[in-house]
């Protein structure tokens, strides 16, 4: 999911995921003549230690009230907390991976968690301006 939507304050993370999406798409086409299938799993939120580490990093920035980002990061961390509440168990993603690997004709990509399905369904139908306005409203990113 992080490779299909840009989210404020995690642009470098999103960039790495966008790169994986592009690389996987190209590799899928390049290896097809050799019978090699490339499948992309888009997991969305998964309950792992990654979230705790990200929160700890974020807390370092939200405790510095002198930071010019302070007023934006507080609502962003609140948003992250809400997303964590919708995260799926790792077993859900594992089941999707197993299904993708064992199906005769796998799809190019699988969206593995309900939160990713909903977020992608809604946000990819929005114009860039609508998404920008939504994030601006949520995070107070007004010019």
N, C-alpha and C. Protein backbone atom coordinates (compact mmCIF):
# COMPACT_ATOMS: atom_id res chain seq x y z
N UNK A 1 0.82 -1.18 0.00
CA UNK A 1 0.00 0.00 0.00
C UNK A 1 0.87 1.25 0.00
N UNK A 2 1.98 1.21 0.75
CA UNK A 2 2.87 2.37 0.83
C UNK A 2 3.51 2.72 -0.49
N UNK A 3 3.44 1.83 -1.48
CA UNK A 3 4.00 2.10 -2.79
C UNK A 3 2.98 2.63 -3.78
N UNK A 4 1.77 2.89 -3.31
CA UNK A 4 0.74 3.42 -4.21
C UNK A 4 0.15 4.72 -3.71
N UNK A 5 0.44 5.08 -2.46
CA UNK A 5 -0.05 6.32 -1.87
C UNK A 5 1.09 7.04 -1.18
N UNK A 6 1.18 8.34 -1.42
CA UNK A 6 2.18 9.15 -0.71
C UNK A 6 1.52 9.74 0.53
N UNK A 7 2.16 9.54 1.67
CA UNK A 7 1.62 10.01 2.94
C UNK A 7 2.61 11.00 3.54
N UNK A 8 2.14 12.18 3.96
CA UNK A 8 3.05 13.17 4.53
C UNK A 8 3.87 12.60 5.69
N UNK A 9 5.10 13.06 5.77
CA UNK A 9 6.06 12.72 6.82
C UNK A 9 6.67 11.33 6.71
N UNK A 10 6.23 10.53 5.76
CA UNK A 10 6.90 9.24 5.53
C UNK A 10 7.21 9.09 4.04
N UNK A 11 7.53 10.22 3.41
CA UNK A 11 7.82 10.23 1.98
C UNK A 11 8.98 9.33 1.58
N UNK A 12 10.03 9.29 2.40
CA UNK A 12 11.17 8.43 2.04
C UNK A 12 10.78 6.96 2.12
N UNK A 13 9.95 6.60 3.10
CA UNK A 13 9.45 5.23 3.20
C UNK A 13 8.58 4.92 1.97
N UNK A 14 7.67 5.85 1.63
CA UNK A 14 6.83 5.65 0.46
C UNK A 14 7.66 5.52 -0.81
N UNK A 15 8.72 6.33 -0.93
CA UNK A 15 9.57 6.27 -2.12
C UNK A 15 10.18 4.88 -2.28
N UNK A 16 10.61 4.28 -1.18
CA UNK A 16 11.19 2.93 -1.27
C UNK A 16 10.14 1.92 -1.72
N UNK A 17 8.91 2.10 -1.27
CA UNK A 17 7.83 1.18 -1.66
C UNK A 17 7.40 1.42 -3.11
N UNK A 18 7.37 2.68 -3.55
CA UNK A 18 7.07 2.96 -4.96
C UNK A 18 8.12 2.30 -5.85
N UNK A 19 9.39 2.36 -5.43
CA UNK A 19 10.47 1.73 -6.20
C UNK A 19 10.27 0.23 -6.29
N UNK A 20 9.88 -0.40 -5.19
CA UNK A 20 9.63 -1.85 -5.21
C UNK A 20 8.47 -2.21 -6.14
N UNK A 21 7.44 -1.37 -6.15
CA UNK A 21 6.31 -1.60 -7.06
C UNK A 21 6.78 -1.56 -8.51
N UNK A 22 7.54 -0.52 -8.86
CA UNK A 22 8.02 -0.37 -10.23
C UNK A 22 8.97 -1.51 -10.62
N UNK A 23 9.88 -1.84 -9.72
CA UNK A 23 10.82 -2.92 -10.00
C UNK A 23 10.07 -4.25 -10.19
N UNK A 24 9.09 -4.50 -9.35
CA UNK A 24 8.32 -5.75 -9.46
C UNK A 24 7.53 -5.80 -10.76
N UNK A 25 6.92 -4.66 -11.15
CA UNK A 25 6.16 -4.63 -12.40
C UNK A 25 7.08 -4.91 -13.60
N UNK A 26 8.24 -4.25 -13.62
CA UNK A 26 9.18 -4.46 -14.73
C UNK A 26 9.71 -5.90 -14.73
N UNK A 27 10.09 -6.38 -13.57
CA UNK A 27 10.62 -7.74 -13.46
C UNK A 27 9.59 -8.78 -13.87
N UNK A 28 8.33 -8.54 -13.53
CA UNK A 28 7.26 -9.47 -13.92
C UNK A 28 7.21 -9.62 -15.44
N UNK A 29 7.30 -8.49 -16.16
CA UNK A 29 7.25 -8.53 -17.62
C UNK A 29 8.52 -9.14 -18.21
N UNK A 30 9.67 -8.82 -17.61
CA UNK A 30 10.95 -9.30 -18.12
C UNK A 30 11.14 -10.80 -17.93
N UNK A 31 10.61 -11.35 -16.86
CA UNK A 31 10.84 -12.76 -16.56
C UNK A 31 9.74 -13.68 -17.07
N UNK A 32 8.65 -13.10 -17.52
CA UNK A 32 7.52 -13.91 -18.02
C UNK A 32 7.94 -14.89 -19.12
N UNK A 33 8.77 -14.46 -20.11
CA UNK A 33 9.17 -15.40 -21.17
C UNK A 33 9.92 -16.63 -20.65
N UNK A 34 10.44 -16.54 -19.44
CA UNK A 34 11.20 -17.65 -18.86
C UNK A 34 10.37 -18.47 -17.88
N UNK A 35 9.08 -18.16 -17.82
CA UNK A 35 8.19 -18.89 -16.92
C UNK A 35 8.29 -18.48 -15.46
N UNK A 36 8.95 -17.37 -15.20
CA UNK A 36 9.09 -16.87 -13.83
C UNK A 36 7.99 -15.85 -13.57
N UNK A 37 7.27 -16.04 -12.49
CA UNK A 37 6.18 -15.11 -12.14
C UNK A 37 6.61 -14.26 -10.96
N UNK A 38 6.36 -12.99 -11.08
CA UNK A 38 6.65 -12.06 -9.99
C UNK A 38 5.31 -11.60 -9.43
N UNK A 39 5.15 -11.78 -8.14
CA UNK A 39 3.90 -11.45 -7.45
C UNK A 39 4.22 -10.39 -6.40
N UNK A 40 3.38 -9.38 -6.35
CA UNK A 40 3.57 -8.31 -5.38
C UNK A 40 2.51 -8.42 -4.29
N UNK A 41 2.94 -8.46 -3.05
CA UNK A 41 2.02 -8.51 -1.91
C UNK A 41 2.02 -7.13 -1.27
N UNK A 42 0.85 -6.52 -1.18
CA UNK A 42 0.71 -5.21 -0.54
C UNK A 42 0.03 -5.41 0.80
N UNK A 43 0.82 -5.44 1.88
CA UNK A 43 0.25 -5.86 3.15
C UNK A 43 -0.59 -4.85 3.90
N UNK A 44 -0.37 -3.57 3.77
CA UNK A 44 -1.08 -2.64 4.63
C UNK A 44 -0.55 -2.74 6.05
N UNK A 45 -1.38 -2.40 7.02
CA UNK A 45 -0.95 -2.42 8.41
C UNK A 45 -0.88 -3.82 8.98
N UNK A 46 0.26 -4.16 9.56
CA UNK A 46 0.46 -5.48 10.17
C UNK A 46 1.03 -5.25 11.58
N UNK A 47 0.47 -5.95 12.54
CA UNK A 47 0.94 -5.82 13.93
C UNK A 47 2.32 -6.47 14.08
N UNK A 48 3.34 -5.63 14.08
CA UNK A 48 4.72 -6.09 14.24
C UNK A 48 5.48 -5.09 15.12
N UNK A 49 6.73 -5.37 15.39
CA UNK A 49 7.57 -4.45 16.15
C UNK A 49 7.95 -3.21 15.34
N UNK A 50 7.74 -3.24 14.03
CA UNK A 50 8.04 -2.09 13.18
C UNK A 50 7.27 -0.87 13.67
N UNK A 51 6.00 -1.05 14.01
CA UNK A 51 5.17 0.07 14.46
C UNK A 51 5.71 0.67 15.75
N UNK A 52 6.14 -0.16 16.67
CA UNK A 52 6.68 0.34 17.94
C UNK A 52 7.94 1.16 17.71
N UNK A 53 8.80 0.68 16.83
CA UNK A 53 10.04 1.41 16.52
C UNK A 53 9.73 2.74 15.85
N UNK A 54 8.77 2.74 14.93
CA UNK A 54 8.38 3.98 14.25
C UNK A 54 7.78 4.97 15.24
N UNK A 55 6.96 4.47 16.15
CA UNK A 55 6.37 5.35 17.16
C UNK A 55 7.43 5.94 18.07
N UNK A 56 8.39 5.14 18.46
CA UNK A 56 9.46 5.63 19.31
C UNK A 56 10.23 6.74 18.60
N UNK A 57 10.51 6.55 17.32
CA UNK A 57 11.20 7.56 16.53
C UNK A 57 10.35 8.82 16.44
N UNK A 58 9.06 8.65 16.19
CA UNK A 58 8.14 9.79 16.09
C UNK A 58 8.02 10.55 17.39
N UNK A 59 8.04 9.84 18.51
CA UNK A 59 7.92 10.50 19.82
C UNK A 59 9.10 11.44 20.07
N UNK A 60 10.26 11.11 19.55
CA UNK A 60 11.42 11.99 19.71
C UNK A 60 11.14 13.36 19.11
N UNK A 61 10.41 13.38 18.00
CA UNK A 61 10.13 14.63 17.31
C UNK A 61 8.92 15.35 17.88
N UNK A 62 7.98 14.62 18.43
CA UNK A 62 6.77 15.28 18.94
C UNK A 62 6.95 15.82 20.35
N UNK A 63 8.04 15.48 21.01
CA UNK A 63 8.26 16.03 22.35
C UNK A 63 9.01 17.36 22.30
N UNK A 64 9.61 17.68 21.17
CA UNK A 64 10.32 18.95 21.03
C UNK A 64 9.34 20.02 20.55
N UNK A 65 8.79 20.77 21.49
CA UNK A 65 7.77 21.77 21.15
C UNK A 65 8.36 22.94 20.36
N UNK A 66 9.69 23.06 20.30
CA UNK A 66 10.32 24.13 19.52
C UNK A 66 10.48 23.76 18.05
N UNK A 67 10.25 22.51 17.72
CA UNK A 67 10.39 22.06 16.33
C UNK A 67 9.30 22.69 15.47
N UNK A 68 9.66 23.15 14.27
CA UNK A 68 8.63 23.70 13.38
C UNK A 68 7.63 22.63 12.93
N UNK A 69 7.98 21.36 13.09
CA UNK A 69 7.08 20.27 12.70
C UNK A 69 6.17 19.82 13.83
N UNK A 70 6.41 20.32 15.03
CA UNK A 70 5.66 19.84 16.20
C UNK A 70 4.15 19.85 15.96
N UNK A 71 3.63 20.97 15.49
CA UNK A 71 2.17 21.09 15.34
C UNK A 71 1.61 20.16 14.26
N UNK A 72 2.46 19.66 13.37
CA UNK A 72 2.00 18.71 12.35
C UNK A 72 2.17 17.27 12.80
N UNK A 73 3.25 17.02 13.53
CA UNK A 73 3.55 15.64 13.92
C UNK A 73 2.62 15.11 15.01
N UNK A 74 2.11 15.98 15.85
CA UNK A 74 1.18 15.51 16.88
C UNK A 74 -0.06 14.89 16.22
N UNK A 75 -0.75 15.59 15.28
CA UNK A 75 -1.88 14.91 14.63
C UNK A 75 -1.46 13.73 13.77
N UNK A 76 -0.25 13.78 13.20
CA UNK A 76 0.22 12.64 12.41
C UNK A 76 0.39 11.41 13.29
N UNK A 77 0.97 11.57 14.46
CA UNK A 77 1.14 10.43 15.36
C UNK A 77 -0.21 9.90 15.84
N UNK A 78 -1.17 10.79 16.00
CA UNK A 78 -2.53 10.36 16.36
C UNK A 78 -3.11 9.51 15.22
N UNK A 79 -2.90 9.95 13.97
CA UNK A 79 -3.34 9.20 12.80
C UNK A 79 -2.69 7.82 12.77
N UNK A 80 -1.39 7.77 13.02
CA UNK A 80 -0.67 6.49 13.03
C UNK A 80 -1.26 5.56 14.09
N UNK A 81 -1.59 6.11 15.24
CA UNK A 81 -2.20 5.31 16.30
C UNK A 81 -3.53 4.73 15.87
N UNK A 82 -4.32 5.51 15.13
CA UNK A 82 -5.61 5.01 14.63
C UNK A 82 -5.39 3.90 13.62
N UNK A 83 -4.41 4.07 12.75
CA UNK A 83 -4.10 3.05 11.74
C UNK A 83 -3.65 1.76 12.43
N UNK A 84 -2.84 1.89 13.47
CA UNK A 84 -2.39 0.70 14.20
C UNK A 84 -3.56 -0.09 14.75
N UNK A 85 -4.61 0.63 15.16
CA UNK A 85 -5.79 -0.05 15.68
C UNK A 85 -6.49 -0.91 14.64
N UNK A 86 -6.26 -0.61 13.37
CA UNK A 86 -6.89 -1.38 12.29
C UNK A 86 -5.93 -2.42 11.70
N UNK A 87 -4.73 -2.50 12.23
CA UNK A 87 -3.72 -3.42 11.69
C UNK A 87 -4.15 -4.88 11.83
N UNK A 88 -3.65 -5.70 10.94
CA UNK A 88 -3.97 -7.12 10.91
C UNK A 88 -2.85 -7.95 11.53
N UNK A 89 -3.21 -9.14 11.93
CA UNK A 89 -2.22 -10.09 12.43
C UNK A 89 -1.32 -10.55 11.28
N UNK A 90 -0.05 -10.83 11.56
CA UNK A 90 0.85 -11.31 10.51
C UNK A 90 0.33 -12.56 9.80
N UNK A 91 -0.43 -13.38 10.51
CA UNK A 91 -0.96 -14.62 9.92
C UNK A 91 -1.88 -14.33 8.74
N UNK A 92 -2.57 -13.21 8.78
CA UNK A 92 -3.45 -12.84 7.66
C UNK A 92 -2.63 -12.63 6.40
N UNK A 93 -1.52 -11.92 6.53
CA UNK A 93 -0.65 -11.68 5.38
C UNK A 93 -0.01 -12.99 4.92
N UNK A 94 0.40 -13.81 5.86
CA UNK A 94 0.98 -15.12 5.51
C UNK A 94 0.01 -15.96 4.70
N UNK A 95 -1.27 -15.91 5.06
CA UNK A 95 -2.29 -16.68 4.33
C UNK A 95 -2.41 -16.18 2.90
N UNK A 96 -2.33 -14.86 2.71
CA UNK A 96 -2.41 -14.30 1.36
C UNK A 96 -1.18 -14.71 0.55
N UNK A 97 -0.02 -14.68 1.16
CA UNK A 97 1.21 -15.10 0.48
C UNK A 97 1.11 -16.57 0.06
N UNK A 98 0.65 -17.41 0.96
CA UNK A 98 0.50 -18.84 0.66
C UNK A 98 -0.47 -19.04 -0.51
N UNK A 99 -1.59 -18.31 -0.48
CA UNK A 99 -2.57 -18.44 -1.57
C UNK A 99 -1.95 -17.99 -2.90
N UNK A 100 -1.20 -16.88 -2.88
CA UNK A 100 -0.57 -16.38 -4.11
C UNK A 100 0.44 -17.39 -4.65
N UNK A 101 1.17 -18.04 -3.77
CA UNK A 101 2.19 -18.99 -4.19
C UNK A 101 1.63 -20.32 -4.68
N UNK A 102 0.44 -20.66 -4.24
CA UNK A 102 -0.10 -21.98 -4.57
C UNK A 102 -1.21 -21.94 -5.62
N UNK A 103 -1.61 -20.76 -6.04
CA UNK A 103 -2.64 -20.69 -7.08
C UNK A 103 -2.00 -20.91 -8.44
N UNK A 104 -2.76 -21.51 -9.33
CA UNK A 104 -2.24 -21.84 -10.67
C UNK A 104 -1.88 -20.59 -11.47
N UNK A 105 -2.75 -19.61 -11.47
CA UNK A 105 -2.52 -18.36 -12.20
C UNK A 105 -2.61 -17.18 -11.25
N UNK A 106 -1.52 -16.88 -10.55
CA UNK A 106 -1.58 -15.80 -9.57
C UNK A 106 -1.75 -14.43 -10.23
N UNK A 107 -2.39 -13.54 -9.49
CA UNK A 107 -2.52 -12.15 -9.94
C UNK A 107 -1.17 -11.46 -9.80
N UNK A 108 -1.03 -10.32 -10.43
CA UNK A 108 0.21 -9.56 -10.34
C UNK A 108 0.41 -8.98 -8.95
N UNK A 109 -0.69 -8.59 -8.28
CA UNK A 109 -0.58 -8.02 -6.94
C UNK A 109 -1.75 -8.45 -6.09
N UNK A 110 -1.48 -8.58 -4.82
CA UNK A 110 -2.49 -8.95 -3.83
C UNK A 110 -2.49 -7.90 -2.73
N UNK A 111 -3.65 -7.38 -2.43
CA UNK A 111 -3.81 -6.49 -1.28
C UNK A 111 -4.19 -7.39 -0.11
N UNK A 112 -3.34 -7.42 0.92
CA UNK A 112 -3.44 -8.47 1.92
C UNK A 112 -4.30 -8.15 3.14
N UNK A 113 -4.54 -6.89 3.44
CA UNK A 113 -5.26 -6.57 4.68
C UNK A 113 -6.46 -5.67 4.40
N UNK A 114 -7.48 -5.75 5.24
CA UNK A 114 -8.69 -4.93 5.03
C UNK A 114 -8.40 -3.43 5.04
N UNK A 115 -7.52 -2.96 5.93
CA UNK A 115 -7.25 -1.52 5.97
C UNK A 115 -6.64 -1.05 4.65
N UNK A 116 -5.76 -1.84 4.06
CA UNK A 116 -5.15 -1.48 2.78
C UNK A 116 -6.20 -1.46 1.68
N UNK A 117 -7.09 -2.45 1.69
CA UNK A 117 -8.14 -2.52 0.69
C UNK A 117 -9.02 -1.27 0.72
N UNK A 118 -9.43 -0.88 1.92
CA UNK A 118 -10.31 0.28 2.07
C UNK A 118 -9.58 1.56 1.69
N UNK A 119 -8.37 1.73 2.23
CA UNK A 119 -7.63 2.96 1.97
C UNK A 119 -7.32 3.14 0.49
N UNK A 120 -6.90 2.06 -0.17
CA UNK A 120 -6.61 2.15 -1.60
C UNK A 120 -7.88 2.40 -2.40
N UNK A 121 -8.96 1.73 -2.05
CA UNK A 121 -10.22 1.91 -2.79
C UNK A 121 -10.69 3.36 -2.73
N UNK A 122 -10.56 3.97 -1.58
CA UNK A 122 -11.02 5.35 -1.41
C UNK A 122 -10.03 6.34 -2.00
N UNK A 123 -8.78 6.24 -1.58
CA UNK A 123 -7.81 7.28 -1.93
C UNK A 123 -7.39 7.28 -3.39
N UNK A 124 -7.37 6.12 -4.03
CA UNK A 124 -6.97 6.09 -5.44
C UNK A 124 -8.07 6.63 -6.35
N UNK A 125 -9.26 6.79 -5.82
CA UNK A 125 -10.35 7.39 -6.60
C UNK A 125 -10.39 8.91 -6.43
N UNK A 126 -9.61 9.43 -5.52
CA UNK A 126 -9.56 10.87 -5.28
C UNK A 126 -8.55 11.51 -6.22
N UNK A 127 -8.81 12.74 -6.59
CA UNK A 127 -7.82 13.49 -7.37
C UNK A 127 -6.66 13.86 -6.45
N UNK A 128 -5.55 14.26 -7.06
CA UNK A 128 -4.40 14.70 -6.25
C UNK A 128 -4.81 15.84 -5.33
N UNK A 129 -5.57 16.77 -5.88
CA UNK A 129 -6.02 17.92 -5.08
C UNK A 129 -6.89 17.50 -3.91
N UNK A 130 -7.75 16.52 -4.13
CA UNK A 130 -8.60 16.03 -3.04
C UNK A 130 -7.77 15.36 -1.95
N UNK A 131 -6.79 14.55 -2.36
CA UNK A 131 -5.92 13.90 -1.38
C UNK A 131 -5.11 14.93 -0.60
N UNK A 132 -4.57 15.91 -1.32
CA UNK A 132 -3.80 16.97 -0.65
C UNK A 132 -4.68 17.70 0.36
N UNK A 133 -5.91 18.01 -0.04
CA UNK A 133 -6.83 18.71 0.87
C UNK A 133 -7.16 17.85 2.08
N UNK A 134 -7.34 16.57 1.87
CA UNK A 134 -7.65 15.67 2.99
C UNK A 134 -6.50 15.65 4.00
N UNK A 135 -5.27 15.46 3.49
CA UNK A 135 -4.12 15.44 4.39
C UNK A 135 -3.94 16.79 5.06
N UNK A 136 -4.13 17.87 4.32
CA UNK A 136 -4.00 19.20 4.90
C UNK A 136 -4.97 19.40 6.05
N UNK A 137 -6.19 18.95 5.84
CA UNK A 137 -7.21 19.09 6.89
C UNK A 137 -6.88 18.21 8.10
N UNK A 138 -6.47 16.98 7.84
CA UNK A 138 -6.16 16.05 8.94
C UNK A 138 -4.95 16.48 9.75
N UNK A 139 -3.94 17.00 9.06
CA UNK A 139 -2.66 17.28 9.71
C UNK A 139 -2.38 18.76 9.90
N UNK A 140 -3.29 19.62 9.45
CA UNK A 140 -3.09 21.05 9.59
C UNK A 140 -2.01 21.61 8.68
N UNK A 141 -1.83 21.01 7.52
CA UNK A 141 -0.77 21.41 6.58
C UNK A 141 -1.25 22.51 5.64
N UNK A 142 -1.70 23.59 6.19
CA UNK A 142 -2.20 24.70 5.37
C UNK A 142 -1.08 25.70 5.13
N UNK A 143 -1.06 26.25 3.93
CA UNK A 143 -0.01 27.23 3.57
C UNK A 143 -0.25 28.56 4.27
